[in-house]
Amino acid sequence: MEDIYKIPVGTAEGFYKEKGSKFHSYAYAVWSVEEVEEKLEEIKKLHPKARHICYAYRLRPVDQQFRVNDDGEPSGTAGKPIFNQIMSAELHVILVGVVRYFGGTKLGASGLIRAYKTAAEDAIQQLETVEKYDTLPYQINFEYGMMGDLMNVLKQLKIELMDKQFNLKPHLIVEFRKSTYLRQINKIKAHFLGRDIEDIEEDTEVEGLEFLDIEIE
């Protein structure tokens, strides 16, 4: 499915050395630009004397956000090689930062590209990855008498429950897979109406049940 993408699990470190220059690499799972900035600060604290902390990141496919940064290295010799390794590994939701300590011998543009590429690759290869897919958050309002049945059908359909409220207006917050959310909603409607899913339309209503698309901050 086109909505499936790979993300890293946890963090990893890598290392590369050439002609005395040392390249320490770090790979993190990041879900926002704010998290990117936090992780970069962590790297800076680990290496307060480093002259160059170059990086690249890519967030979720739906966000379409990415960035490369050479941090003072010649243009195109650091951030882009790092980003190319992210692309090669087909990863999203990832930041890779590479710290360079100069060893006294200049590496030249080709040497820098090779070094940043290899250091980034080493960290990425240490990562565990899992597959994720884009989702849409929905609020499901329901009558109390439907609660048990609703919870069971959500479990059967493997729909992730994010939150629940059992007050005067009980509701659930769930995540539907983006590519199949309409069919998943129709399956729930079909279950409560005792009808075949092919007989269910997008505007088919179920008494006591309401689906509202929402935004999660």
N, C-alpha and C. Protein backbone atom coordinates (compact mmCIF):
# COMPACT_ATOMS: atom_id res chain seq x y z
N MET A 1 0.84 -1.19 0.00
CA MET A 1 0.00 0.00 0.00
C MET A 1 0.88 1.25 0.00
N GLU A 2 0.44 2.30 -0.69
CA GLU A 2 1.25 3.50 -0.81
C GLU A 2 1.38 4.26 0.51
N ASP A 3 0.48 4.02 1.47
CA ASP A 3 0.56 4.78 2.71
C ASP A 3 1.49 4.15 3.74
N ILE A 4 2.11 3.02 3.42
CA ILE A 4 3.04 2.38 4.34
C ILE A 4 4.42 3.01 4.23
N TYR A 5 5.06 3.24 5.37
CA TYR A 5 6.42 3.76 5.36
C TYR A 5 7.19 3.19 6.55
N LYS A 6 8.51 3.19 6.45
CA LYS A 6 9.37 2.64 7.50
C LYS A 6 9.84 3.74 8.43
N ILE A 7 9.88 3.43 9.73
CA ILE A 7 10.41 4.39 10.71
C ILE A 7 11.41 3.66 11.62
N PRO A 8 12.36 4.39 12.20
CA PRO A 8 13.31 3.76 13.12
C PRO A 8 12.69 3.53 14.49
N VAL A 9 13.24 2.56 15.19
CA VAL A 9 12.86 2.29 16.57
C VAL A 9 14.05 2.65 17.45
N GLY A 10 13.86 3.60 18.36
CA GLY A 10 14.94 3.97 19.26
C GLY A 10 16.00 4.81 18.59
N THR A 11 17.23 4.68 19.05
CA THR A 11 18.36 5.45 18.54
C THR A 11 19.52 4.53 18.20
N ALA A 12 20.49 5.08 17.47
CA ALA A 12 21.68 4.30 17.12
C ALA A 12 22.84 5.25 16.90
N GLU A 13 24.05 4.71 17.04
CA GLU A 13 25.26 5.50 16.83
C GLU A 13 26.17 4.81 15.82
N GLY A 14 26.95 5.64 15.11
CA GLY A 14 27.90 5.11 14.15
C GLY A 14 29.22 5.88 14.24
N PHE A 15 30.22 5.43 13.49
CA PHE A 15 31.53 6.09 13.56
C PHE A 15 32.30 5.81 12.28
N TYR A 16 33.08 6.82 11.87
CA TYR A 16 33.97 6.66 10.72
C TYR A 16 35.20 7.54 10.95
N LYS A 17 36.35 7.03 10.53
CA LYS A 17 37.59 7.79 10.71
C LYS A 17 38.39 7.76 9.41
N GLU A 18 38.91 8.91 9.03
CA GLU A 18 39.74 8.99 7.82
C GLU A 18 40.78 10.09 7.98
N LYS A 19 42.04 9.73 7.80
CA LYS A 19 43.16 10.68 7.86
C LYS A 19 43.13 11.52 9.14
N GLY A 20 42.80 10.88 10.23
CA GLY A 20 42.78 11.57 11.52
C GLY A 20 41.47 12.23 11.87
N SER A 21 40.63 12.54 10.89
CA SER A 21 39.33 13.14 11.17
C SER A 21 38.36 12.07 11.66
N LYS A 22 37.62 12.41 12.69
CA LYS A 22 36.66 11.47 13.27
C LYS A 22 35.23 11.96 13.04
N PHE A 23 34.38 11.05 12.67
CA PHE A 23 32.98 11.37 12.38
C PHE A 23 32.07 10.49 13.25
N HIS A 24 31.43 11.12 14.22
CA HIS A 24 30.50 10.42 15.11
C HIS A 24 29.08 10.67 14.61
N SER A 25 28.33 9.62 14.39
CA SER A 25 26.98 9.77 13.83
C SER A 25 25.93 9.28 14.81
N TYR A 26 24.75 9.92 14.74
CA TYR A 26 23.65 9.61 15.63
C TYR A 26 22.35 9.59 14.82
N ALA A 27 21.54 8.58 15.03
CA ALA A 27 20.25 8.46 14.34
C ALA A 27 19.13 8.38 15.38
N TYR A 28 18.09 9.18 15.17
CA TYR A 28 16.97 9.25 16.10
C TYR A 28 15.64 9.17 15.34
N ALA A 29 14.63 8.66 16.03
CA ALA A 29 13.26 8.78 15.53
C ALA A 29 12.73 10.14 15.97
N VAL A 30 12.23 10.93 15.04
CA VAL A 30 11.69 12.26 15.35
C VAL A 30 10.37 12.46 14.62
N TRP A 31 9.39 13.05 15.31
CA TRP A 31 8.06 13.22 14.73
C TRP A 31 7.72 14.67 14.42
N SER A 32 8.62 15.59 14.78
CA SER A 32 8.34 17.01 14.57
C SER A 32 9.65 17.78 14.48
N VAL A 33 9.56 19.01 13.98
CA VAL A 33 10.73 19.88 13.92
C VAL A 33 11.22 20.19 15.33
N GLU A 34 10.30 20.30 16.28
CA GLU A 34 10.67 20.56 17.67
C GLU A 34 11.53 19.42 18.22
N GLU A 35 11.16 18.18 17.89
CA GLU A 35 11.96 17.05 18.33
C GLU A 35 13.32 17.04 17.67
N VAL A 36 13.38 17.45 16.41
CA VAL A 36 14.67 17.56 15.71
C VAL A 36 15.58 18.51 16.48
N GLU A 37 15.06 19.66 16.85
CA GLU A 37 15.85 20.67 17.56
C GLU A 37 16.31 20.15 18.92
N GLU A 38 15.45 19.39 19.60
CA GLU A 38 15.82 18.82 20.90
C GLU A 38 16.97 17.83 20.75
N LYS A 39 16.89 16.98 19.74
CA LYS A 39 17.94 15.98 19.53
C LYS A 39 19.26 16.63 19.12
N LEU A 40 19.20 17.67 18.32
CA LEU A 40 20.42 18.38 17.94
C LEU A 40 21.08 19.01 19.16
N GLU A 41 20.27 19.50 20.09
CA GLU A 41 20.82 20.05 21.32
C GLU A 41 21.51 18.96 22.14
N GLU A 42 20.94 17.76 22.12
CA GLU A 42 21.56 16.64 22.83
C GLU A 42 22.94 16.33 22.24
N ILE A 43 23.02 16.35 20.91
CA ILE A 43 24.30 16.08 20.26
C ILE A 43 25.32 17.16 20.62
N LYS A 44 24.88 18.41 20.63
CA LYS A 44 25.78 19.52 20.97
C LYS A 44 26.31 19.39 22.39
N LYS A 45 25.47 18.90 23.30
CA LYS A 45 25.92 18.71 24.68
C LYS A 45 26.93 17.58 24.78
N LEU A 46 26.79 16.57 23.92
CA LEU A 46 27.75 15.47 23.90
C LEU A 46 29.09 15.89 23.31
N HIS A 47 29.04 16.86 22.39
CA HIS A 47 30.24 17.30 21.68
C HIS A 47 30.34 18.83 21.68
N PRO A 48 30.55 19.43 22.84
CA PRO A 48 30.56 20.90 22.92
C PRO A 48 31.70 21.56 22.17
N LYS A 49 32.77 20.83 21.87
CA LYS A 49 33.93 21.41 21.20
C LYS A 49 33.95 21.13 19.70
N ALA A 50 32.95 20.43 19.21
CA ALA A 50 32.92 20.08 17.78
C ALA A 50 32.67 21.32 16.93
N ARG A 51 33.38 21.43 15.81
CA ARG A 51 33.22 22.58 14.91
C ARG A 51 32.06 22.38 13.95
N HIS A 52 31.76 21.12 13.62
CA HIS A 52 30.70 20.85 12.64
C HIS A 52 29.76 19.77 13.17
N ILE A 53 28.47 20.09 13.20
CA ILE A 53 27.43 19.09 13.48
C ILE A 53 26.45 19.17 12.32
N CYS A 54 26.68 18.34 11.33
CA CYS A 54 25.86 18.35 10.11
C CYS A 54 24.73 17.34 10.26
N TYR A 55 23.63 17.58 9.55
CA TYR A 55 22.50 16.68 9.74
C TYR A 55 21.54 16.71 8.55
N ALA A 56 20.63 15.75 8.60
CA ALA A 56 19.50 15.70 7.66
C ALA A 56 18.35 15.00 8.37
N TYR A 57 17.14 15.41 8.04
CA TYR A 57 15.99 14.72 8.61
C TYR A 57 14.86 14.64 7.60
N ARG A 58 13.96 13.70 7.85
CA ARG A 58 12.74 13.57 7.04
C ARG A 58 11.62 13.11 7.95
N LEU A 59 10.49 13.82 7.92
CA LEU A 59 9.35 13.48 8.77
C LEU A 59 8.38 12.57 8.00
N ARG A 60 7.16 12.48 8.45
CA ARG A 60 6.18 11.57 7.84
C ARG A 60 5.91 11.95 6.38
N PRO A 61 5.54 10.98 5.55
CA PRO A 61 5.19 11.31 4.16
C PRO A 61 4.11 12.38 4.06
N VAL A 62 3.12 12.34 4.95
CA VAL A 62 2.03 13.31 4.90
C VAL A 62 2.53 14.72 5.23
N ASP A 63 3.59 14.82 6.03
CA ASP A 63 4.14 16.13 6.39
C ASP A 63 4.94 16.75 5.26
N GLN A 64 5.60 15.88 4.47
CA GLN A 64 6.45 16.33 3.36
C GLN A 64 7.49 17.34 3.84
N GLN A 65 8.06 17.10 5.01
CA GLN A 65 9.07 17.98 5.57
C GLN A 65 10.42 17.27 5.64
N PHE A 66 11.46 17.95 5.15
CA PHE A 66 12.81 17.42 5.27
C PHE A 66 13.77 18.61 5.22
N ARG A 67 15.00 18.36 5.64
CA ARG A 67 16.01 19.41 5.60
C ARG A 67 17.40 18.80 5.62
N VAL A 68 18.34 19.46 4.98
CA VAL A 68 19.75 19.08 5.06
C VAL A 68 20.53 20.31 5.52
N ASN A 69 21.59 20.07 6.29
CA ASN A 69 22.38 21.19 6.82
C ASN A 69 23.85 20.81 6.82
N ASP A 70 24.68 21.64 6.15
CA ASP A 70 26.12 21.38 6.06
C ASP A 70 26.91 21.98 7.23
N ASP A 71 26.29 22.84 8.01
CA ASP A 71 26.90 23.44 9.20
C ASP A 71 28.34 23.90 8.96
N GLY A 72 28.54 24.65 7.91
CA GLY A 72 29.85 25.24 7.67
C GLY A 72 30.77 24.44 6.76
N GLU A 73 30.42 23.19 6.50
CA GLU A 73 31.19 22.41 5.54
C GLU A 73 30.88 22.92 4.13
N PRO A 74 31.77 22.66 3.16
CA PRO A 74 31.48 23.08 1.78
C PRO A 74 30.11 22.59 1.32
N SER A 75 29.38 23.44 0.62
CA SER A 75 28.01 23.13 0.22
C SER A 75 27.90 21.78 -0.48
N GLY A 76 26.97 20.97 -0.02
CA GLY A 76 26.70 19.68 -0.64
C GLY A 76 27.59 18.53 -0.21
N THR A 77 28.51 18.78 0.73
CA THR A 77 29.45 17.72 1.12
C THR A 77 29.04 16.97 2.39
N ALA A 78 28.01 17.44 3.09
CA ALA A 78 27.66 16.82 4.37
C ALA A 78 26.18 16.48 4.47
N GLY A 79 25.32 17.52 4.51
CA GLY A 79 23.89 17.27 4.68
C GLY A 79 23.30 16.39 3.59
N LYS A 80 23.67 16.66 2.35
CA LYS A 80 23.10 15.88 1.25
C LYS A 80 23.53 14.42 1.28
N PRO A 81 24.82 14.10 1.50
CA PRO A 81 25.20 12.69 1.62
C PRO A 81 24.49 11.98 2.76
N ILE A 82 24.28 12.70 3.87
CA ILE A 82 23.53 12.10 4.98
C ILE A 82 22.10 11.81 4.54
N PHE A 83 21.48 12.81 3.90
CA PHE A 83 20.09 12.64 3.47
C PHE A 83 19.95 11.52 2.44
N ASN A 84 20.94 11.37 1.58
CA ASN A 84 20.89 10.30 0.59
C ASN A 84 20.87 8.93 1.24
N GLN A 85 21.52 8.79 2.39
CA GLN A 85 21.49 7.51 3.11
C GLN A 85 20.11 7.26 3.73
N ILE A 86 19.46 8.34 4.19
CA ILE A 86 18.09 8.22 4.68
C ILE A 86 17.17 7.76 3.55
N MET A 87 17.34 8.37 2.39
CA MET A 87 16.53 8.00 1.22
C MET A 87 16.81 6.56 0.80
N SER A 88 18.09 6.19 0.79
CA SER A 88 18.47 4.84 0.38
C SER A 88 17.85 3.78 1.28
N ALA A 89 17.77 4.09 2.58
CA ALA A 89 17.18 3.16 3.54
C ALA A 89 15.65 3.23 3.55
N GLU A 90 15.08 4.18 2.78
CA GLU A 90 13.63 4.37 2.66
C GLU A 90 12.99 4.63 4.02
N LEU A 91 13.63 5.50 4.81
CA LEU A 91 13.16 5.80 6.15
C LEU A 91 12.49 7.17 6.23
N HIS A 92 11.50 7.27 7.09
CA HIS A 92 10.86 8.53 7.44
C HIS A 92 10.93 8.68 8.95
N VAL A 93 10.53 9.85 9.44
CA VAL A 93 10.50 10.12 10.88
C VAL A 93 11.90 9.90 11.47
N ILE A 94 12.92 10.43 10.81
CA ILE A 94 14.29 10.17 11.23
C ILE A 94 15.17 11.41 11.11
N LEU A 95 16.04 11.55 12.07
CA LEU A 95 17.11 12.56 12.05
C LEU A 95 18.44 11.84 12.15
N VAL A 96 19.37 12.20 11.29
CA VAL A 96 20.74 11.69 11.40
C VAL A 96 21.68 12.89 11.50
N GLY A 97 22.42 12.95 12.59
CA GLY A 97 23.40 14.01 12.79
C GLY A 97 24.80 13.42 12.81
N VAL A 98 25.74 14.12 12.20
CA VAL A 98 27.13 13.64 12.15
C VAL A 98 28.05 14.74 12.67
N VAL A 99 28.83 14.42 13.67
CA VAL A 99 29.78 15.34 14.29
C VAL A 99 31.17 15.08 13.74
N ARG A 100 31.85 16.14 13.30
CA ARG A 100 33.19 15.98 12.76
C ARG A 100 34.24 16.63 13.65
N TYR A 101 35.32 15.88 13.90
CA TYR A 101 36.51 16.41 14.54
C TYR A 101 37.64 16.37 13.53
N PHE A 102 38.19 17.54 13.20
CA PHE A 102 39.23 17.66 12.18
C PHE A 102 40.53 17.02 12.67
N GLY A 103 41.13 16.22 11.80
CA GLY A 103 42.34 15.48 12.17
C GLY A 103 43.63 16.09 11.67
N GLY A 104 43.57 17.27 11.05
CA GLY A 104 44.78 17.94 10.60
C GLY A 104 45.06 17.82 9.13
N THR A 105 44.37 16.89 8.44
CA THR A 105 44.57 16.71 7.00
C THR A 105 43.24 16.94 6.29
N LYS A 106 43.24 17.84 5.33
CA LYS A 106 42.02 18.12 4.59
C LYS A 106 41.64 16.92 3.73
N LEU A 107 40.35 16.65 3.68
CA LEU A 107 39.86 15.49 2.94
C LEU A 107 39.41 15.84 1.53
N GLY A 108 39.18 17.12 1.26
CA GLY A 108 38.66 17.51 -0.04
C GLY A 108 37.17 17.21 -0.12
N ALA A 109 36.52 17.74 -1.15
CA ALA A 109 35.07 17.57 -1.28
C ALA A 109 34.67 16.11 -1.37
N SER A 110 35.36 15.35 -2.21
CA SER A 110 35.00 13.94 -2.39
C SER A 110 35.23 13.15 -1.10
N GLY A 111 36.31 13.50 -0.37
CA GLY A 111 36.58 12.81 0.88
C GLY A 111 35.53 13.11 1.94
N LEU A 112 35.08 14.36 2.00
CA LEU A 112 34.03 14.73 2.95
C LEU A 112 32.72 14.02 2.63
N ILE A 113 32.37 14.00 1.36
CA ILE A 113 31.13 13.32 0.94
C ILE A 113 31.18 11.86 1.36
N ARG A 114 32.30 11.21 1.10
CA ARG A 114 32.44 9.79 1.46
C ARG A 114 32.35 9.60 2.97
N ALA A 115 33.00 10.50 3.72
CA ALA A 115 33.04 10.36 5.17
C ALA A 115 31.65 10.55 5.80
N TYR A 116 30.95 11.60 5.39
CA TYR A 116 29.61 11.84 5.96
C TYR A 116 28.63 10.75 5.53
N LYS A 117 28.77 10.31 4.29
CA LYS A 117 27.92 9.21 3.80
C LYS A 117 28.14 7.95 4.62
N THR A 118 29.41 7.59 4.83
CA THR A 118 29.74 6.35 5.52
C THR A 118 29.35 6.40 6.99
N ALA A 119 29.59 7.55 7.62
CA ALA A 119 29.22 7.70 9.04
C ALA A 119 27.71 7.59 9.22
N ALA A 120 26.95 8.26 8.34
CA ALA A 120 25.48 8.19 8.41
C ALA A 120 25.00 6.76 8.17
N GLU A 121 25.58 6.11 7.18
CA GLU A 121 25.20 4.74 6.86
C GLU A 121 25.44 3.81 8.04
N ASP A 122 26.56 4.02 8.75
CA ASP A 122 26.89 3.16 9.87
C ASP A 122 25.84 3.27 10.98
N ALA A 123 25.39 4.49 11.27
CA ALA A 123 24.36 4.66 12.30
C ALA A 123 23.03 4.06 11.85
N ILE A 124 22.66 4.31 10.60
CA ILE A 124 21.38 3.82 10.10
C ILE A 124 21.32 2.30 10.11
N GLN A 125 22.45 1.66 9.80
CA GLN A 125 22.47 0.20 9.77
C GLN A 125 22.27 -0.42 11.15
N GLN A 126 22.52 0.35 12.20
CA GLN A 126 22.34 -0.16 13.56
C GLN A 126 20.89 -0.08 14.03
N LEU A 127 20.06 0.65 13.29
CA LEU A 127 18.68 0.88 13.70
C LEU A 127 17.78 -0.32 13.45
N GLU A 128 16.86 -0.53 14.36
CA GLU A 128 15.72 -1.41 14.09
C GLU A 128 14.64 -0.55 13.45
N THR A 129 13.85 -1.13 12.57
CA THR A 129 12.79 -0.37 11.91
C THR A 129 11.47 -1.13 11.97
N VAL A 130 10.39 -0.39 11.86
CA VAL A 130 9.06 -0.99 11.79
C VAL A 130 8.28 -0.26 10.69
N GLU A 131 7.23 -0.89 10.22
CA GLU A 131 6.37 -0.27 9.21
C GLU A 131 5.21 0.44 9.89
N LYS A 132 4.92 1.66 9.42
CA LYS A 132 3.77 2.43 9.89
C LYS A 132 2.93 2.81 8.68
N TYR A 133 1.74 3.32 8.94
CA TYR A 133 0.93 3.84 7.85
C TYR A 133 0.21 5.10 8.32
N ASP A 134 -0.10 5.96 7.36
CA ASP A 134 -0.78 7.21 7.69
C ASP A 134 -2.17 6.92 8.23
N THR A 135 -2.57 7.69 9.24
CA THR A 135 -3.86 7.48 9.87
C THR A 135 -4.68 8.76 9.92
N LEU A 136 -5.96 8.60 10.17
CA LEU A 136 -6.87 9.73 10.38
C LEU A 136 -7.56 9.55 11.73
N PRO A 137 -7.49 10.55 12.60
CA PRO A 137 -8.17 10.45 13.89
C PRO A 137 -9.66 10.73 13.75
N TYR A 138 -10.46 9.93 14.42
CA TYR A 138 -11.91 10.10 14.42
C TYR A 138 -12.45 10.00 15.84
N GLN A 139 -13.50 10.76 16.08
CA GLN A 139 -14.25 10.61 17.33
C GLN A 139 -15.52 9.85 17.04
N ILE A 140 -15.75 8.81 17.82
CA ILE A 140 -16.97 8.01 17.66
C ILE A 140 -17.86 8.26 18.88
N ASN A 141 -18.97 8.94 18.66
CA ASN A 141 -19.96 9.13 19.73
C ASN A 141 -20.91 7.95 19.72
N PHE A 142 -21.31 7.48 20.89
CA PHE A 142 -22.17 6.29 20.95
C PHE A 142 -23.04 6.33 22.20
N GLU A 143 -24.11 5.54 22.17
CA GLU A 143 -24.96 5.37 23.34
C GLU A 143 -24.38 4.27 24.22
N TYR A 144 -24.57 4.40 25.53
CA TYR A 144 -23.94 3.46 26.47
C TYR A 144 -24.26 2.00 26.16
N GLY A 145 -25.48 1.73 25.73
CA GLY A 145 -25.86 0.35 25.45
C GLY A 145 -25.07 -0.27 24.32
N MET A 146 -24.37 0.54 23.53
CA MET A 146 -23.62 0.04 22.38
C MET A 146 -22.14 -0.17 22.71
N MET A 147 -21.73 0.21 23.92
CA MET A 147 -20.31 0.27 24.24
C MET A 147 -19.60 -1.07 24.08
N GLY A 148 -20.11 -2.12 24.68
CA GLY A 148 -19.46 -3.42 24.62
C GLY A 148 -19.32 -3.92 23.20
N ASP A 149 -20.38 -3.81 22.43
CA ASP A 149 -20.38 -4.25 21.04
C ASP A 149 -19.39 -3.44 20.21
N LEU A 150 -19.36 -2.13 20.47
CA LEU A 150 -18.46 -1.26 19.72
C LEU A 150 -17.00 -1.60 20.02
N MET A 151 -16.67 -1.79 21.29
CA MET A 151 -15.31 -2.12 21.66
C MET A 151 -14.87 -3.44 21.01
N ASN A 152 -15.78 -4.39 20.95
CA ASN A 152 -15.46 -5.69 20.34
C ASN A 152 -15.18 -5.57 18.85
N VAL A 153 -16.01 -4.81 18.14
CA VAL A 153 -15.83 -4.70 16.70
C VAL A 153 -14.55 -3.92 16.37
N LEU A 154 -14.22 -2.93 17.19
CA LEU A 154 -12.96 -2.19 16.98
C LEU A 154 -11.76 -3.12 17.15
N LYS A 155 -11.85 -4.01 18.15
CA LYS A 155 -10.78 -4.97 18.39
C LYS A 155 -10.64 -5.94 17.22
N GLN A 156 -11.78 -6.40 16.72
CA GLN A 156 -11.76 -7.34 15.59
C GLN A 156 -11.14 -6.70 14.34
N LEU A 157 -11.42 -5.42 14.14
CA LEU A 157 -10.90 -4.71 12.97
C LEU A 157 -9.50 -4.14 13.20
N LYS A 158 -8.94 -4.37 14.40
CA LYS A 158 -7.59 -3.91 14.75
C LYS A 158 -7.45 -2.39 14.59
N ILE A 159 -8.48 -1.68 15.03
CA ILE A 159 -8.47 -0.22 14.99
C ILE A 159 -7.93 0.30 16.31
N GLU A 160 -6.93 1.16 16.25
CA GLU A 160 -6.24 1.62 17.46
C GLU A 160 -7.09 2.62 18.24
N LEU A 161 -7.23 2.35 19.52
CA LEU A 161 -7.97 3.24 20.42
C LEU A 161 -6.99 4.21 21.07
N MET A 162 -7.23 5.52 20.88
CA MET A 162 -6.33 6.54 21.41
C MET A 162 -6.81 7.12 22.73
N ASP A 163 -8.13 7.23 22.90
CA ASP A 163 -8.69 7.81 24.12
C ASP A 163 -10.14 7.40 24.25
N LYS A 164 -10.67 7.50 25.46
CA LYS A 164 -12.08 7.16 25.69
C LYS A 164 -12.63 8.04 26.80
N GLN A 165 -13.89 8.40 26.68
CA GLN A 165 -14.58 9.22 27.67
C GLN A 165 -15.95 8.60 27.93
N PHE A 166 -16.19 8.22 29.20
CA PHE A 166 -17.47 7.63 29.56
C PHE A 166 -18.21 8.57 30.51
N ASN A 167 -18.60 9.73 29.97
CA ASN A 167 -19.33 10.71 30.76
C ASN A 167 -20.76 10.83 30.23
N LEU A 168 -21.37 12.00 30.35
CA LEU A 168 -22.74 12.16 29.85
C LEU A 168 -22.82 12.00 28.34
N LYS A 169 -21.72 12.30 27.66
CA LYS A 169 -21.64 12.10 26.21
C LYS A 169 -20.47 11.18 25.89
N PRO A 170 -20.66 9.86 26.06
CA PRO A 170 -19.54 8.93 25.88
C PRO A 170 -19.03 8.93 24.44
N HIS A 171 -17.71 8.85 24.30
CA HIS A 171 -17.13 8.77 22.96
C HIS A 171 -15.74 8.13 23.02
N LEU A 172 -15.30 7.69 21.88
CA LEU A 172 -13.96 7.13 21.73
C LEU A 172 -13.20 7.95 20.70
N ILE A 173 -11.88 8.05 20.87
CA ILE A 173 -11.01 8.62 19.86
C ILE A 173 -10.21 7.47 19.28
N VAL A 174 -10.30 7.27 17.98
CA VAL A 174 -9.61 6.16 17.33
C VAL A 174 -8.80 6.67 16.14
N GLU A 175 -7.93 5.81 15.65
CA GLU A 175 -7.17 6.11 14.44
C GLU A 175 -7.51 5.09 13.37
N PHE A 176 -8.03 5.58 12.25
CA PHE A 176 -8.29 4.72 11.10
C PHE A 176 -7.12 4.81 10.12
N ARG A 177 -6.83 3.73 9.47
CA ARG A 177 -5.82 3.78 8.41
C ARG A 177 -6.35 4.67 7.28
N LYS A 178 -5.53 5.61 6.84
CA LYS A 178 -5.97 6.64 5.90
C LYS A 178 -6.49 6.05 4.59
N SER A 179 -5.82 5.03 4.09
CA SER A 179 -6.18 4.48 2.78
C SER A 179 -7.46 3.65 2.82
N THR A 180 -7.90 3.25 4.03
CA THR A 180 -9.06 2.35 4.12
C THR A 180 -10.10 2.84 5.14
N TYR A 181 -10.01 4.10 5.56
CA TYR A 181 -10.85 4.55 6.68
C TYR A 181 -12.35 4.47 6.36
N LEU A 182 -12.74 4.79 5.11
CA LEU A 182 -14.17 4.74 4.77
C LEU A 182 -14.70 3.31 4.85
N ARG A 183 -13.91 2.36 4.39
CA ARG A 183 -14.35 0.96 4.45
C ARG A 183 -14.41 0.47 5.89
N GLN A 184 -13.45 0.91 6.72
CA GLN A 184 -13.49 0.51 8.13
C GLN A 184 -14.73 1.07 8.83
N ILE A 185 -15.06 2.32 8.56
CA ILE A 185 -16.26 2.91 9.14
C ILE A 185 -17.50 2.16 8.65
N ASN A 186 -17.52 1.83 7.36
CA ASN A 186 -18.67 1.10 6.82
C ASN A 186 -18.80 -0.29 7.43
N LYS A 187 -17.68 -0.92 7.77
CA LYS A 187 -17.73 -2.23 8.42
C LYS A 187 -18.39 -2.12 9.79
N ILE A 188 -18.07 -1.04 10.51
CA ILE A 188 -18.69 -0.83 11.82
C ILE A 188 -20.19 -0.60 11.67
N LYS A 189 -20.55 0.23 10.70
CA LYS A 189 -21.97 0.48 10.45
C LYS A 189 -22.70 -0.81 10.07
N ALA A 190 -22.09 -1.59 9.19
CA ALA A 190 -22.70 -2.84 8.73
C ALA A 190 -22.92 -3.79 9.90
N HIS A 191 -21.95 -3.82 10.82
CA HIS A 191 -22.07 -4.69 11.99
C HIS A 191 -23.31 -4.33 12.81
N PHE A 192 -23.49 -3.04 13.08
CA PHE A 192 -24.61 -2.63 13.93
C PHE A 192 -25.95 -2.72 13.20
N LEU A 193 -25.94 -2.58 11.89
CA LEU A 193 -27.18 -2.65 11.14
C LEU A 193 -27.52 -4.08 10.70
N GLY A 194 -26.56 -5.00 10.88
CA GLY A 194 -26.79 -6.39 10.47
C GLY A 194 -26.92 -6.52 8.97
N ARG A 195 -26.17 -5.71 8.24
CA ARG A 195 -26.24 -5.72 6.77
C ARG A 195 -24.88 -6.01 6.17
N ASP A 196 -24.87 -6.34 4.89
CA ASP A 196 -23.62 -6.56 4.17
C ASP A 196 -22.93 -5.21 3.94
N ILE A 197 -21.62 -5.21 4.01
CA ILE A 197 -20.89 -3.96 3.86
C ILE A 197 -21.12 -3.31 2.50
N GLU A 198 -21.40 -4.11 1.47
CA GLU A 198 -21.62 -3.55 0.14
C GLU A 198 -22.92 -2.76 0.07
N ASP A 199 -23.78 -2.95 1.06
CA ASP A 199 -25.05 -2.21 1.10
C ASP A 199 -24.91 -0.88 1.85
N ILE A 200 -23.72 -0.63 2.41
CA ILE A 200 -23.51 0.56 3.23
C ILE A 200 -22.90 1.69 2.39
N GLU A 201 -23.47 2.88 2.51
CA GLU A 201 -22.94 4.05 1.83
C GLU A 201 -22.28 4.99 2.84
N GLU A 202 -21.55 5.97 2.35
CA GLU A 202 -20.87 6.90 3.24
C GLU A 202 -21.86 7.67 4.11
N ASP A 203 -23.06 7.95 3.57
CA ASP A 203 -24.05 8.70 4.34
C ASP A 203 -25.05 7.81 5.09
N THR A 204 -24.80 6.50 5.09
CA THR A 204 -25.66 5.59 5.85
C THR A 204 -25.53 5.90 7.34
N GLU A 205 -26.65 6.05 8.02
CA GLU A 205 -26.63 6.40 9.43
C GLU A 205 -27.00 5.21 10.30
N VAL A 206 -26.41 5.20 11.51
CA VAL A 206 -26.74 4.19 12.52
C VAL A 206 -27.24 4.94 13.75
N GLU A 207 -28.43 4.65 14.18
CA GLU A 207 -29.00 5.35 15.32
C GLU A 207 -28.13 5.15 16.56
N GLY A 208 -27.77 6.25 17.20
CA GLY A 208 -26.96 6.17 18.42
C GLY A 208 -25.46 6.16 18.17
N LEU A 209 -25.04 6.21 16.89
CA LEU A 209 -23.62 6.14 16.54
C LEU A 209 -23.28 7.30 15.60
N GLU A 210 -22.17 8.00 15.89
CA GLU A 210 -21.79 9.15 15.09
C GLU A 210 -20.27 9.17 14.93
N PHE A 211 -19.81 9.41 13.69
CA PHE A 211 -18.38 9.47 13.37
C PHE A 211 -18.00 10.89 13.01
N LEU A 212 -17.01 11.44 13.72
CA LEU A 212 -16.58 12.82 13.46
C LEU A 212 -15.08 12.83 13.23
N ASP A 213 -14.66 13.36 12.06
CA ASP A 213 -13.23 13.49 11.84
C ASP A 213 -12.73 14.70 12.62
N ILE A 214 -11.58 14.55 13.24
CA ILE A 214 -11.05 15.58 14.13
C ILE A 214 -9.57 15.80 13.85
N GLU A 215 -9.03 16.85 14.47
CA GLU A 215 -7.60 17.12 14.42
C GLU A 215 -7.03 16.92 15.81
N ILE A 216 -5.90 16.17 15.85
CA ILE A 216 -5.22 15.95 17.13
C ILE A 216 -4.01 16.88 17.18
N GLU A 217 -3.94 17.71 18.21
CA GLU A 217 -2.81 18.64 18.35
C GLU A 217 -1.59 17.93 18.92
